[in-house]
């Protein structure tokens, strides 16, 4: 039976609603969420309310952890903004989410890597800020000890599949709500998907093999870009409007 994987919603309730509607129309009832749900200059409260009403396996992302574990003065601007929208019940729910989950006994779920929720798994960054696919040796090293044949991660917002040399498959479904961003670690860089559409993936096991289908869903992304602009985040507004950070 197929299931959907979503990740990196980042407070974008309109993108989340659009993706959930398409998943429902496809007749898919099972969804997993790979974290980073609220952080961003958008609508964290409405987004988390939607997620809390769903019966699904979630894992906690690094920005979910920042919201619950960091002092306000130590938070990044996007975390501080969304923290101000959330109530104690939202933060308690985020705090209780696990770091990783094994789903259906066959799928390993984490936000970034099995050891660190704030490290790219399938990508690497050069000192001059170029984001590229990581070496297979580095990818496989991070998968050491995971027995499941399908591994799902997120964090980079880039839809990608890597087939390990032992047959296991790692899939990043892309980002529902954040098509581009800037970061400073491990070196200053930008991630840009080139499209403002919301991304997710459908996974289905056929025999001993997994099949992945990537989907991109148009939605009223300009409304979210306008909201980011109103909240004085032009970088987010650019990414939400175009898929590029300018």
C-alpha atoms as a PDB file:
ATOM      1  CA  UNK A   1       0.000   0.000   0.000  1.00  0.00           C
ATOM      2  CA  UNK A   2       1.514   3.358  -0.984  1.00  0.00           C
ATOM      3  CA  UNK A   3       2.137   6.127   1.497  1.00  0.00           C
ATOM      4  CA  UNK A   4       3.108   9.785   1.193  1.00  0.00           C
ATOM      5  CA  UNK A   5       6.134  11.489   2.712  1.00  0.00           C
ATOM      6  CA  UNK A   6       6.082  15.197   3.487  1.00  0.00           C
ATOM      7  CA  UNK A   7       8.728  17.390   5.100  1.00  0.00           C
ATOM      8  CA  UNK A   8       9.911  20.922   5.770  1.00  0.00           C
ATOM      9  CA  UNK A   9       6.526  22.640   5.812  1.00  0.00           C
ATOM     10  CA  UNK A  10       7.994  25.601   7.723  1.00  0.00           C
ATOM     11  CA  UNK A  11       4.698  27.196   8.692  1.00  0.00           C
ATOM     12  CA  UNK A  12       3.349  27.298   5.133  1.00  0.00           C
ATOM     13  CA  UNK A  13      -0.230  26.287   5.822  1.00  0.00           C
ATOM     14  CA  UNK A  14      -1.482  26.961   2.278  1.00  0.00           C
ATOM     15  CA  UNK A  15       1.136  24.652   0.765  1.00  0.00           C
ATOM     16  CA  UNK A  16       0.341  21.990   3.367  1.00  0.00           C
ATOM     17  CA  UNK A  17      -3.390  22.213   2.707  1.00  0.00           C
ATOM     18  CA  UNK A  18      -2.827  21.901  -1.046  1.00  0.00           C
ATOM     19  CA  UNK A  19      -0.573  18.864  -0.669  1.00  0.00           C
ATOM     20  CA  UNK A  20      -2.926  17.114   1.735  1.00  0.00           C
ATOM     21  CA  UNK A  21      -5.832  17.691  -0.655  1.00  0.00           C
ATOM     22  CA  UNK A  22      -3.917  16.109  -3.557  1.00  0.00           C
ATOM     23  CA  UNK A  23      -2.822  13.161  -1.404  1.00  0.00           C
ATOM     24  CA  UNK A  24      -6.424  12.589  -0.347  1.00  0.00           C
ATOM     25  CA  UNK A  25      -7.617  12.792  -3.957  1.00  0.00           C
ATOM     26  CA  UNK A  26      -5.101  10.074  -4.836  1.00  0.00           C
ATOM     27  CA  UNK A  27      -6.730   7.790  -2.285  1.00  0.00           C
ATOM     28  CA  UNK A  28      -3.620   7.684  -0.096  1.00  0.00           C
ATOM     29  CA  UNK A  29      -4.438   7.597   3.603  1.00  0.00           C
ATOM     30  CA  UNK A  30      -1.018   7.057   5.202  1.00  0.00           C
ATOM     31  CA  UNK A  31       1.375  10.000   5.551  1.00  0.00           C
ATOM     32  CA  UNK A  32       4.707  10.387   7.311  1.00  0.00           C
ATOM     33  CA  UNK A  33       6.220  13.758   8.214  1.00  0.00           C
ATOM     34  CA  UNK A  34       9.970  14.312   8.447  1.00  0.00           C
ATOM     35  CA  UNK A  35      10.045  17.487  10.531  1.00  0.00           C
ATOM     36  CA  UNK A  36      10.685  21.244  10.445  1.00  0.00           C
ATOM     37  CA  UNK A  37       7.015  22.024  10.640  1.00  0.00           C
ATOM     38  CA  UNK A  38       6.575  25.526  12.000  1.00  0.00           C
ATOM     39  CA  UNK A  39       9.649  27.703  11.718  1.00  0.00           C
ATOM     40  CA  UNK A  40       9.265  30.581   9.264  1.00  0.00           C
ATOM     41  CA  UNK A  41       7.710  34.041   8.835  1.00  0.00           C
ATOM     42  CA  UNK A  42       4.333  32.580   7.858  1.00  0.00           C
ATOM     43  CA  UNK A  43       1.521  30.909   9.873  1.00  0.00           C
ATOM     44  CA  UNK A  44       3.006  28.486  12.376  1.00  0.00           C
ATOM     45  CA  UNK A  45      -0.141  28.190  14.505  1.00  0.00           C
ATOM     46  CA  UNK A  46      -2.470  27.195  11.698  1.00  0.00           C
ATOM     47  CA  UNK A  47       0.109  24.787  10.318  1.00  0.00           C
ATOM     48  CA  UNK A  48       0.642  22.971  13.597  1.00  0.00           C
ATOM     49  CA  UNK A  49      -3.096  22.859  14.271  1.00  0.00           C
ATOM     50  CA  UNK A  50      -3.520  20.971  10.989  1.00  0.00           C
ATOM     51  CA  UNK A  51      -0.739  18.542  11.862  1.00  0.00           C
ATOM     52  CA  UNK A  52      -1.915  17.927  15.402  1.00  0.00           C
ATOM     53  CA  UNK A  53      -5.282  16.825  14.007  1.00  0.00           C
ATOM     54  CA  UNK A  54      -3.640  14.154  11.868  1.00  0.00           C
ATOM     55  CA  UNK A  55      -2.981  10.595  13.014  1.00  0.00           C
ATOM     56  CA  UNK A  56       0.443   9.998  11.496  1.00  0.00           C
ATOM     57  CA  UNK A  57       4.056   9.240  12.448  1.00  0.00           C
ATOM     58  CA  UNK A  58       6.062  12.454  12.763  1.00  0.00           C
ATOM     59  CA  UNK A  59       9.725  13.024  13.551  1.00  0.00           C
ATOM     60  CA  UNK A  60      11.184  16.231  14.955  1.00  0.00           C
ATOM     61  CA  UNK A  61      13.396  18.469  12.841  1.00  0.00           C
ATOM     62  CA  UNK A  62      16.204  20.751  13.950  1.00  0.00           C
ATOM     63  CA  UNK A  63      14.003  23.846  13.795  1.00  0.00           C
ATOM     64  CA  UNK A  64      11.296  22.079  15.803  1.00  0.00           C
ATOM     65  CA  UNK A  65      13.969  21.446  18.420  1.00  0.00           C
ATOM     66  CA  UNK A  66      15.102  25.074  18.355  1.00  0.00           C
ATOM     67  CA  UNK A  67      11.524  26.162  19.058  1.00  0.00           C
ATOM     68  CA  UNK A  68      11.266  24.001  22.162  1.00  0.00           C
ATOM     69  CA  UNK A  69      14.822  23.966  23.515  1.00  0.00           C
ATOM     70  CA  UNK A  70      16.373  27.357  22.752  1.00  0.00           C
ATOM     71  CA  UNK A  71      15.945  30.584  24.692  1.00  0.00           C
ATOM     72  CA  UNK A  72      14.258  33.285  22.622  1.00  0.00           C
ATOM     73  CA  UNK A  73      17.428  35.374  22.443  1.00  0.00           C
ATOM     74  CA  UNK A  74      19.324  32.395  21.014  1.00  0.00           C
ATOM     75  CA  UNK A  75      16.809  31.588  18.267  1.00  0.00           C
ATOM     76  CA  UNK A  76      17.189  32.384  14.602  1.00  0.00           C
ATOM     77  CA  UNK A  77      14.751  35.079  13.388  1.00  0.00           C
ATOM     78  CA  UNK A  78      12.406  32.573  11.721  1.00  0.00           C
ATOM     79  CA  UNK A  79      12.239  30.448  14.872  1.00  0.00           C
ATOM     80  CA  UNK A  80      11.653  33.483  17.069  1.00  0.00           C
ATOM     81  CA  UNK A  81       8.836  34.686  14.810  1.00  0.00           C
ATOM     82  CA  UNK A  82       7.008  31.365  14.754  1.00  0.00           C
ATOM     83  CA  UNK A  83       7.574  30.813  18.472  1.00  0.00           C
ATOM     84  CA  UNK A  84       5.564  33.971  19.088  1.00  0.00           C
ATOM     85  CA  UNK A  85       2.599  32.456  17.235  1.00  0.00           C
ATOM     86  CA  UNK A  86       2.558  29.139  19.072  1.00  0.00           C
ATOM     87  CA  UNK A  87       0.807  28.218  22.304  1.00  0.00           C
ATOM     88  CA  UNK A  88       2.096  25.953  25.053  1.00  0.00           C
ATOM     89  CA  UNK A  89       0.103  23.014  23.624  1.00  0.00           C
ATOM     90  CA  UNK A  90       1.877  23.374  20.280  1.00  0.00           C
ATOM     91  CA  UNK A  91       5.308  23.468  21.884  1.00  0.00           C
ATOM     92  CA  UNK A  92       4.487  20.489  24.117  1.00  0.00           C
ATOM     93  CA  UNK A  93       3.435  18.518  21.042  1.00  0.00           C
ATOM     94  CA  UNK A  94       6.638  19.391  19.182  1.00  0.00           C
ATOM     95  CA  UNK A  95       8.756  18.607  22.233  1.00  0.00           C
ATOM     96  CA  UNK A  96       7.280  15.103  22.489  1.00  0.00           C
ATOM     97  CA  UNK A  97       8.088  14.131  18.898  1.00  0.00           C
ATOM     98  CA  UNK A  98      10.790  11.474  18.442  1.00  0.00           C
ATOM     99  CA  UNK A  99      14.146  12.008  16.743  1.00  0.00           C
ATOM    100  CA  UNK A 100      13.595   8.987  14.501  1.00  0.00           C
ATOM    101  CA  UNK A 101      10.926   6.367  13.807  1.00  0.00           C
ATOM    102  CA  UNK A 102      10.760   2.968  12.152  1.00  0.00           C
ATOM    103  CA  UNK A 103       7.581   2.841  10.076  1.00  0.00           C
ATOM    104  CA  UNK A 104       5.883  -0.389   8.992  1.00  0.00           C
ATOM    105  CA  UNK A 105       9.007  -2.251  10.208  1.00  0.00           C
ATOM    106  CA  UNK A 106      10.602  -1.440   6.846  1.00  0.00           C
ATOM    107  CA  UNK A 107      11.144   2.329   6.652  1.00  0.00           C
ATOM    108  CA  UNK A 108      13.552   4.413   8.739  1.00  0.00           C
ATOM    109  CA  UNK A 109      12.493   8.037   9.232  1.00  0.00           C
ATOM    110  CA  UNK A 110      14.666  10.919  10.394  1.00  0.00           C
ATOM    111  CA  UNK A 111      14.911  14.606   9.650  1.00  0.00           C
ATOM    112  CA  UNK A 112      18.531  14.973   8.541  1.00  0.00           C
ATOM    113  CA  UNK A 113      20.817  12.042   9.457  1.00  0.00           C
ATOM    114  CA  UNK A 114      20.576   9.235  12.047  1.00  0.00           C
ATOM    115  CA  UNK A 115      23.155  10.992  14.222  1.00  0.00           C
ATOM    116  CA  UNK A 116      22.425  14.700  13.737  1.00  0.00           C
ATOM    117  CA  UNK A 117      19.245  16.643  12.933  1.00  0.00           C
ATOM    118  CA  UNK A 118      21.230  19.547  11.450  1.00  0.00           C
ATOM    119  CA  UNK A 119      23.553  17.913   8.905  1.00  0.00           C
ATOM    120  CA  UNK A 120      22.913  17.288   5.215  1.00  0.00           C
ATOM    121  CA  UNK A 121      22.916  13.599   4.320  1.00  0.00           C
ATOM    122  CA  UNK A 122      22.704  13.523   0.532  1.00  0.00           C
ATOM    123  CA  UNK A 123      24.344  16.898  -0.105  1.00  0.00           C
ATOM    124  CA  UNK A 124      27.632  18.607   0.726  1.00  0.00           C
ATOM    125  CA  UNK A 125      28.686  22.263   0.638  1.00  0.00           C
ATOM    126  CA  UNK A 126      32.047  23.559  -0.601  1.00  0.00           C
ATOM    127  CA  UNK A 127      33.848  26.390   1.244  1.00  0.00           C
ATOM    128  CA  UNK A 128      32.763  28.775  -1.509  1.00  0.00           C
ATOM    129  CA  UNK A 129      29.085  27.874  -0.989  1.00  0.00           C
ATOM    130  CA  UNK A 130      28.363  25.422  -3.790  1.00  0.00           C
ATOM    131  CA  UNK A 131      25.770  22.776  -2.832  1.00  0.00           C
ATOM    132  CA  UNK A 132      26.354  19.425  -4.548  1.00  0.00           C
ATOM    133  CA  UNK A 133      25.601  15.749  -4.098  1.00  0.00           C
ATOM    134  CA  UNK A 134      27.699  14.129  -1.403  1.00  0.00           C
ATOM    135  CA  UNK A 135      30.076  11.278  -2.196  1.00  0.00           C
ATOM    136  CA  UNK A 136      28.532   7.815  -2.040  1.00  0.00           C
ATOM    137  CA  UNK A 137      31.089   6.791   0.585  1.00  0.00           C
ATOM    138  CA  UNK A 138      29.994   9.614   2.895  1.00  0.00           C
ATOM    139  CA  UNK A 139      26.321   8.850   2.315  1.00  0.00           C
ATOM    140  CA  UNK A 140      26.797   5.162   3.042  1.00  0.00           C
ATOM    141  CA  UNK A 141      28.832   5.860   6.181  1.00  0.00           C
ATOM    142  CA  UNK A 142      25.904   7.763   7.680  1.00  0.00           C
ATOM    143  CA  UNK A 143      23.599   4.818   6.894  1.00  0.00           C
ATOM    144  CA  UNK A 144      25.732   2.354   8.867  1.00  0.00           C
ATOM    145  CA  UNK A 145      23.651   0.231  11.200  1.00  0.00           C
ATOM    146  CA  UNK A 146      20.255   0.984   9.628  1.00  0.00           C
ATOM    147  CA  UNK A 147      18.605  -2.299   8.675  1.00  0.00           C
ATOM    148  CA  UNK A 148      15.559  -0.944   6.870  1.00  0.00           C
ATOM    149  CA  UNK A 149      15.509  -1.123   3.065  1.00  0.00           C
ATOM    150  CA  UNK A 150      14.014   2.367   2.692  1.00  0.00           C
ATOM    151  CA  UNK A 151      15.389   5.392   4.500  1.00  0.00           C
ATOM    152  CA  UNK A 152      13.636   8.759   4.431  1.00  0.00           C
ATOM    153  CA  UNK A 153      15.330  12.039   5.295  1.00  0.00           C
ATOM    154  CA  UNK A 154      14.704  15.726   4.685  1.00  0.00           C
ATOM    155  CA  UNK A 155      16.448  18.943   5.830  1.00  0.00           C
ATOM    156  CA  UNK A 156      17.995  20.061   2.526  1.00  0.00           C
ATOM    157  CA  UNK A 157      14.615  20.687   0.842  1.00  0.00           C
ATOM    158  CA  UNK A 158      15.989  19.037  -2.321  1.00  0.00           C
ATOM    159  CA  UNK A 159      13.997  16.075  -3.722  1.00  0.00           C
ATOM    160  CA  UNK A 160      16.502  13.298  -4.278  1.00  0.00           C
ATOM    161  CA  UNK A 161      16.932   9.520  -4.381  1.00  0.00           C
ATOM    162  CA  UNK A 162      20.186   7.697  -3.693  1.00  0.00           C
ATOM    163  CA  UNK A 163      20.488   3.951  -4.155  1.00  0.00           C
ATOM    164  CA  UNK A 164      23.144   2.510  -1.868  1.00  0.00           C
ATOM    165  CA  UNK A 165      25.430  -0.177  -3.204  1.00  0.00           C
ATOM    166  CA  UNK A 166      23.869  -2.776  -0.894  1.00  0.00           C
ATOM    167  CA  UNK A 167      20.399  -2.113  -2.345  1.00  0.00           C
ATOM    168  CA  UNK A 168      18.990   0.177   0.329  1.00  0.00           C
ATOM    169  CA  UNK A 169      17.439   3.409  -0.887  1.00  0.00           C
ATOM    170  CA  UNK A 170      17.504   6.877   0.689  1.00  0.00           C
ATOM    171  CA  UNK A 171      14.812   9.348  -0.340  1.00  0.00           C
ATOM    172  CA  UNK A 172      14.376  13.039   0.400  1.00  0.00           C
ATOM    173  CA  UNK A 173      10.809  14.034  -0.607  1.00  0.00           C
ATOM    174  CA  UNK A 174      11.649  17.741  -0.891  1.00  0.00           C
ATOM    175  CA  UNK A 175       9.970  20.598   0.922  1.00  0.00           C
ATOM    176  CA  UNK A 176       6.260  21.302   1.158  1.00  0.00           C
ATOM    177  CA  UNK A 177       6.659  24.908   2.231  1.00  0.00           C
ATOM    178  CA  UNK A 178      10.199  26.190   1.662  1.00  0.00           C
ATOM    179  CA  UNK A 179      11.489  26.108  -1.942  1.00  0.00           C
ATOM    180  CA  UNK A 180      14.639  28.068  -1.108  1.00  0.00           C
ATOM    181  CA  UNK A 181      16.670  29.445   1.776  1.00  0.00           C
ATOM    182  CA  UNK A 182      20.037  30.748   2.885  1.00  0.00           C
ATOM    183  CA  UNK A 183      22.141  29.104   5.599  1.00  0.00           C
ATOM    184  CA  UNK A 184      25.522  29.690   7.176  1.00  0.00           C
ATOM    185  CA  UNK A 185      26.601  26.133   8.055  1.00  0.00           C
ATOM    186  CA  UNK A 186      28.843  24.419   7.238  1.00  0.00           C
ATOM    187  CA  UNK A 187      29.635  27.404   4.979  1.00  0.00           C
ATOM    188  CA  UNK A 188      27.382  30.249   3.793  1.00  0.00           C
ATOM    189  CA  UNK A 189      25.250  28.927   0.934  1.00  0.00           C
ATOM    190  CA  UNK A 190      21.818  29.055  -0.695  1.00  0.00           C
ATOM    191  CA  UNK A 191      19.507  26.183  -1.569  1.00  0.00           C
ATOM    192  CA  UNK A 192      17.167  26.913  -4.481  1.00  0.00           C
ATOM    193  CA  UNK A 193      14.806  24.377  -6.033  1.00  0.00           C
ATOM    194  CA  UNK A 194      13.844  26.643  -8.937  1.00  0.00           C
ATOM    195  CA  UNK A 195      10.091  26.195  -8.502  1.00  0.00           C
ATOM    196  CA  UNK A 196       7.671  27.648  -5.942  1.00  0.00           C
ATOM    197  CA  UNK A 197       5.472  24.544  -6.018  1.00  0.00           C
ATOM    198  CA  UNK A 198       5.012  22.384  -2.914  1.00  0.00           C
ATOM    199  CA  UNK A 199       6.921  19.090  -3.104  1.00  0.00           C
ATOM    200  CA  UNK A 200       6.289  15.662  -1.618  1.00  0.00           C
ATOM    201  CA  UNK A 201       6.828  12.002  -2.512  1.00  0.00           C
ATOM    202  CA  UNK A 202       4.811   8.809  -2.776  1.00  0.00           C
ATOM    203  CA  UNK A 203       6.494   5.541  -1.788  1.00  0.00           C
ATOM    204  CA  UNK A 204       5.309   2.039  -2.588  1.00  0.00           C
ATOM    205  CA  UNK A 205       6.937  -1.329  -2.076  1.00  0.00           C
ATOM    206  CA  UNK A 206       6.666  -3.718  -5.005  1.00  0.00           C
ATOM    207  CA  UNK A 207       8.202  -7.053  -4.191  1.00  0.00           C
ATOM    208  CA  UNK A 208      11.605  -6.377  -2.693  1.00  0.00           C
ATOM    209  CA  UNK A 209      11.962  -2.987  -4.369  1.00  0.00           C
ATOM    210  CA  UNK A 210      10.710   0.474  -3.472  1.00  0.00           C
ATOM    211  CA  UNK A 211       9.214   2.816  -6.031  1.00  0.00           C
ATOM    212  CA  UNK A 212       9.319   6.570  -5.438  1.00  0.00           C
ATOM    213  CA  UNK A 213       7.215   9.151  -7.267  1.00  0.00           C
ATOM    214  CA  UNK A 214       7.918  12.840  -6.734  1.00  0.00           C
ATOM    215  CA  UNK A 215       5.039  15.285  -6.958  1.00  0.00           C
ATOM    216  CA  UNK A 216       4.937  19.074  -7.190  1.00  0.00           C
ATOM    217  CA  UNK A 217       1.709  20.858  -6.313  1.00  0.00           C
ATOM    218  CA  UNK A 218       0.847  24.413  -7.388  1.00  0.00           C
ATOM    219  CA  UNK A 219      -0.924  26.486  -4.746  1.00  0.00           C
ATOM    220  CA  UNK A 220      -1.425  30.170  -3.914  1.00  0.00           C
ATOM    221  CA  UNK A 221       2.277  30.662  -3.301  1.00  0.00           C
ATOM    222  CA  UNK A 222       2.069  34.387  -3.984  1.00  0.00           C
ATOM    223  CA  UNK A 223      -0.175  34.808  -0.948  1.00  0.00           C
ATOM    224  CA  UNK A 224       2.533  33.242   1.205  1.00  0.00           C
ATOM    225  CA  UNK A 225       5.210  35.347  -0.491  1.00  0.00           C
ATOM    226  CA  UNK A 226       3.177  38.441   0.317  1.00  0.00           C
ATOM    227  CA  UNK A 227       2.875  37.296   3.935  1.00  0.00           C
ATOM    228  CA  UNK A 228       6.640  36.807   4.183  1.00  0.00           C
ATOM    229  CA  UNK A 229       7.174  40.257   2.704  1.00  0.00           C
ATOM    230  CA  UNK A 230       4.732  41.786   5.195  1.00  0.00           C
ATOM    231  CA  UNK A 231       6.743  40.110   7.949  1.00  0.00           C
ATOM    232  CA  UNK A 232       9.919  41.742   6.591  1.00  0.00           C
ATOM    233  CA  UNK A 233      11.527  38.621   5.152  1.00  0.00           C
ATOM    234  CA  UNK A 234      12.302  39.448   1.549  1.00  0.00           C
ATOM    235  CA  UNK A 235      14.503  36.374   1.183  1.00  0.00           C
ATOM    236  CA  UNK A 236      11.590  34.110   2.040  1.00  0.00           C
ATOM    237  CA  UNK A 237       9.273  36.161  -0.158  1.00  0.00           C
ATOM    238  CA  UNK A 238      11.577  35.666  -3.141  1.00  0.00           C
ATOM    239  CA  UNK A 239      11.865  31.914  -2.603  1.00  0.00           C
ATOM    240  CA  UNK A 240       8.121  31.480  -2.099  1.00  0.00           C
ATOM    241  CA  UNK A 241       7.302  33.516  -5.205  1.00  0.00           C
ATOM    242  CA  UNK A 242       9.867  32.013  -7.578  1.00  0.00           C
ATOM    243  CA  UNK A 243      11.848  29.127  -6.069  1.00  0.00           C
ATOM    244  CA  UNK A 244      14.972  31.324  -6.100  1.00  0.00           C
ATOM    245  CA  UNK A 245      16.506  33.364  -3.297  1.00  0.00           C
ATOM    246  CA  UNK A 246      17.248  36.873  -4.500  1.00  0.00           C
END
